[in-house]
Protein backbone atom coordinates (compact mmCIF):
# COMPACT_ATOMS: atom_id res chain seq x y z
CA MET A 1 159.57 -28.18 67.92
CA GLN A 2 156.91 -26.65 65.74
CA LYS A 3 154.19 -28.69 67.54
CA LEU A 4 155.43 -27.47 70.89
CA LEU A 5 155.28 -23.79 69.76
CA THR A 6 151.81 -24.29 68.29
CA SER A 7 150.59 -25.91 71.50
CA ILE A 8 152.03 -23.06 73.61
CA LEU A 9 150.35 -20.44 71.35
CA VAL A 10 146.98 -22.21 71.54
CA LEU A 11 147.25 -22.62 75.34
CA THR A 12 148.22 -18.89 75.70
CA ALA A 13 145.24 -17.84 73.55
CA ILE A 14 142.81 -19.95 75.60
CA VAL A 15 144.21 -18.58 78.94
CA GLY A 16 143.89 -15.02 77.45
CA LEU A 17 140.29 -15.52 76.44
CA VAL A 18 139.28 -17.02 79.75
CA SER A 19 140.89 -14.15 81.71
CA CYS A 20 139.04 -11.53 79.57
CA GLN A 21 135.67 -13.05 80.36
CA LYS A 22 133.44 -10.68 82.43
CA ASN A 23 132.11 -11.82 85.74
CA VAL A 24 128.35 -11.34 85.47
CA PRO A 25 126.40 -11.37 88.74
CA ALA A 26 123.82 -14.20 88.93
CA ASN A 27 120.92 -11.73 89.38
CA ALA A 28 121.86 -9.59 86.31
CA ALA A 29 119.20 -9.49 83.57
CA SER A 30 120.06 -11.05 80.27
CA PRO A 31 119.75 -8.96 77.11
CA VAL A 32 116.47 -10.74 76.29
CA GLN A 33 115.10 -9.97 79.76
CA ALA A 34 116.13 -6.34 79.47
CA ALA A 35 114.44 -5.97 76.14
CA THR A 36 111.30 -7.57 77.47
CA SER A 37 111.29 -5.19 80.45
CA THR A 38 111.69 -2.17 78.16
CA SER A 39 108.86 -3.38 75.94
CA ALA A 40 106.62 -3.90 78.88
CA ALA A 41 107.35 -0.42 80.15
CA SER A 42 106.59 1.18 76.80
CA ALA A 43 103.22 -0.75 76.64
CA THR A 44 101.97 1.41 79.50
CA VAL A 45 102.44 4.68 77.54
CA LYS A 46 99.16 6.36 76.87
CA GLN A 47 98.03 6.58 73.25
CA SER A 48 96.94 10.04 72.17
CA THR A 49 93.64 10.75 70.48
CA SER A 50 94.28 11.52 66.81
CA MET A 51 92.35 12.83 63.89
CA SER A 52 93.38 13.44 60.34
CA VAL A 53 91.80 14.91 57.21
CA ASP A 54 92.71 14.01 53.68
CA PRO A 55 93.29 16.35 51.92
CA GLY A 56 94.67 18.26 54.90
CA SER A 57 95.59 21.30 52.84
CA MET A 58 94.44 22.75 49.56
CA VAL A 59 96.22 24.93 47.07
CA SER A 60 93.24 27.05 46.03
CA CYS A 61 89.59 27.56 46.76
CA ASP A 62 88.36 26.03 43.52
CA PRO A 63 87.32 23.40 43.13
CA ALA A 64 86.00 22.20 46.44
CA ALA A 65 86.94 18.66 47.37
CA VAL A 66 85.70 15.54 48.95
CA ALA A 67 87.59 14.86 52.15
CA THR A 68 88.03 11.83 54.38
CA VAL A 69 88.20 12.41 58.14
CA LYS A 70 89.63 9.62 60.28
CA TRP A 71 89.73 9.51 64.09
CA SER A 72 90.87 7.28 66.93
CA VAL A 73 90.15 8.07 70.59
CA GLY A 74 93.24 7.11 72.55
CA SER A 75 93.86 6.05 76.18
CA ASP A 76 94.28 9.73 77.04
CA HIS A 77 90.43 9.84 77.00
CA PRO A 78 89.44 6.58 78.77
CA GLY A 79 85.85 5.32 78.71
CA ILE A 80 84.78 7.18 75.58
CA SER A 81 82.91 4.84 73.26
CA SER A 82 80.74 7.25 71.25
CA VAL A 83 81.76 10.43 69.41
CA GLN A 84 80.31 13.09 67.20
CA LEU A 85 82.16 14.74 64.37
CA PHE A 86 81.23 18.34 63.70
CA VAL A 87 82.10 20.47 60.68
CA THR A 88 82.27 24.27 60.69
CA SER A 89 83.11 26.50 57.74
CA ASP A 90 83.38 30.26 57.26
CA ALA A 91 79.96 30.18 55.71
CA GLN A 92 78.13 27.96 58.25
CA GLY A 93 78.12 27.22 61.95
CA PRO A 94 78.77 23.75 63.41
CA LYS A 95 76.87 20.81 62.02
CA VAL A 96 77.08 17.11 62.85
CA LEU A 97 78.81 15.34 59.99
CA ALA A 98 79.00 11.87 61.56
CA GLU A 99 78.56 9.85 64.74
CA GLY A 100 80.44 6.71 65.57
CA GLY A 101 82.57 4.72 67.91
CA ALA A 102 85.99 5.47 69.42
CA ALA A 103 87.57 4.86 66.04
CA GLY A 104 86.11 5.51 62.65
CA GLN A 105 86.01 7.62 59.51
CA ALA A 106 83.58 9.80 57.56
CA GLN A 107 83.62 11.31 54.13
CA THR A 108 82.39 14.75 53.24
CA GLY A 109 80.56 15.86 50.12
CA ASN A 110 82.26 17.87 47.42
CA TRP A 111 82.33 21.02 49.63
CA THR A 112 85.57 20.91 51.62
CA ARG A 113 87.60 24.11 51.25
CA PRO A 114 90.55 25.75 53.08
CA GLY A 115 89.28 26.88 56.48
CA THR A 116 86.91 23.96 56.96
CA LEU A 117 87.17 22.94 60.59
CA PHE A 118 86.42 19.38 61.82
CA VAL A 119 85.84 18.96 65.56
CA LEU A 120 85.63 15.56 67.32
CA LYS A 121 83.57 15.58 70.55
CA ASP A 122 82.69 13.08 73.19
CA LYS A 123 78.96 12.40 72.49
CA SER A 124 78.01 12.03 76.16
CA THR A 125 79.68 15.14 77.50
CA GLY A 126 80.24 17.38 74.50
CA ASN A 127 83.95 17.79 75.39
CA ILE A 128 86.27 18.50 72.46
CA LEU A 129 88.66 15.57 71.91
CA ASP A 130 90.55 16.89 68.89
CA GLN A 131 90.17 19.20 65.95
CA VAL A 132 91.70 19.71 62.53
CA LYS A 133 91.45 22.66 60.16
CA VAL A 134 92.06 22.30 56.42
CA SER A 135 94.84 24.71 55.60
CA GLY A 136 95.32 26.82 52.54
CA PRO A 137 94.33 30.25 51.33
CA ALA A 138 90.90 31.41 52.61
CA CYS A 139 88.10 31.48 50.04
CA LYS A 140 86.56 34.90 49.46
């Protein structure tokens, strides 16, 4: 009798599981296909041009600091292969700090202070691609 009850319970469970199964259309994407499609779509997103300065802010005017400027020209500016990095401070007008490719970095001397402005330009057109100003209290 116990074997009969066990068999009935197992059979009922199997029937219940089979009846709960979803009917998936044959043309529906599998989770792996869906993830691949999403990844492929995000691969077409344009990458922005970026620039950073380290240190990006200073607490006081003294002492001046050596800074590292890094840049990367993104797909938002296609065809740019050569750039110029200009530096401007309250005391001086723009000067070329470095020239390079679409991605690179340059180091300043021990003269970076709050208010120092770094401007990245397309070398062939002079168009501004990005700029970063070192923050902090202005030196007087």
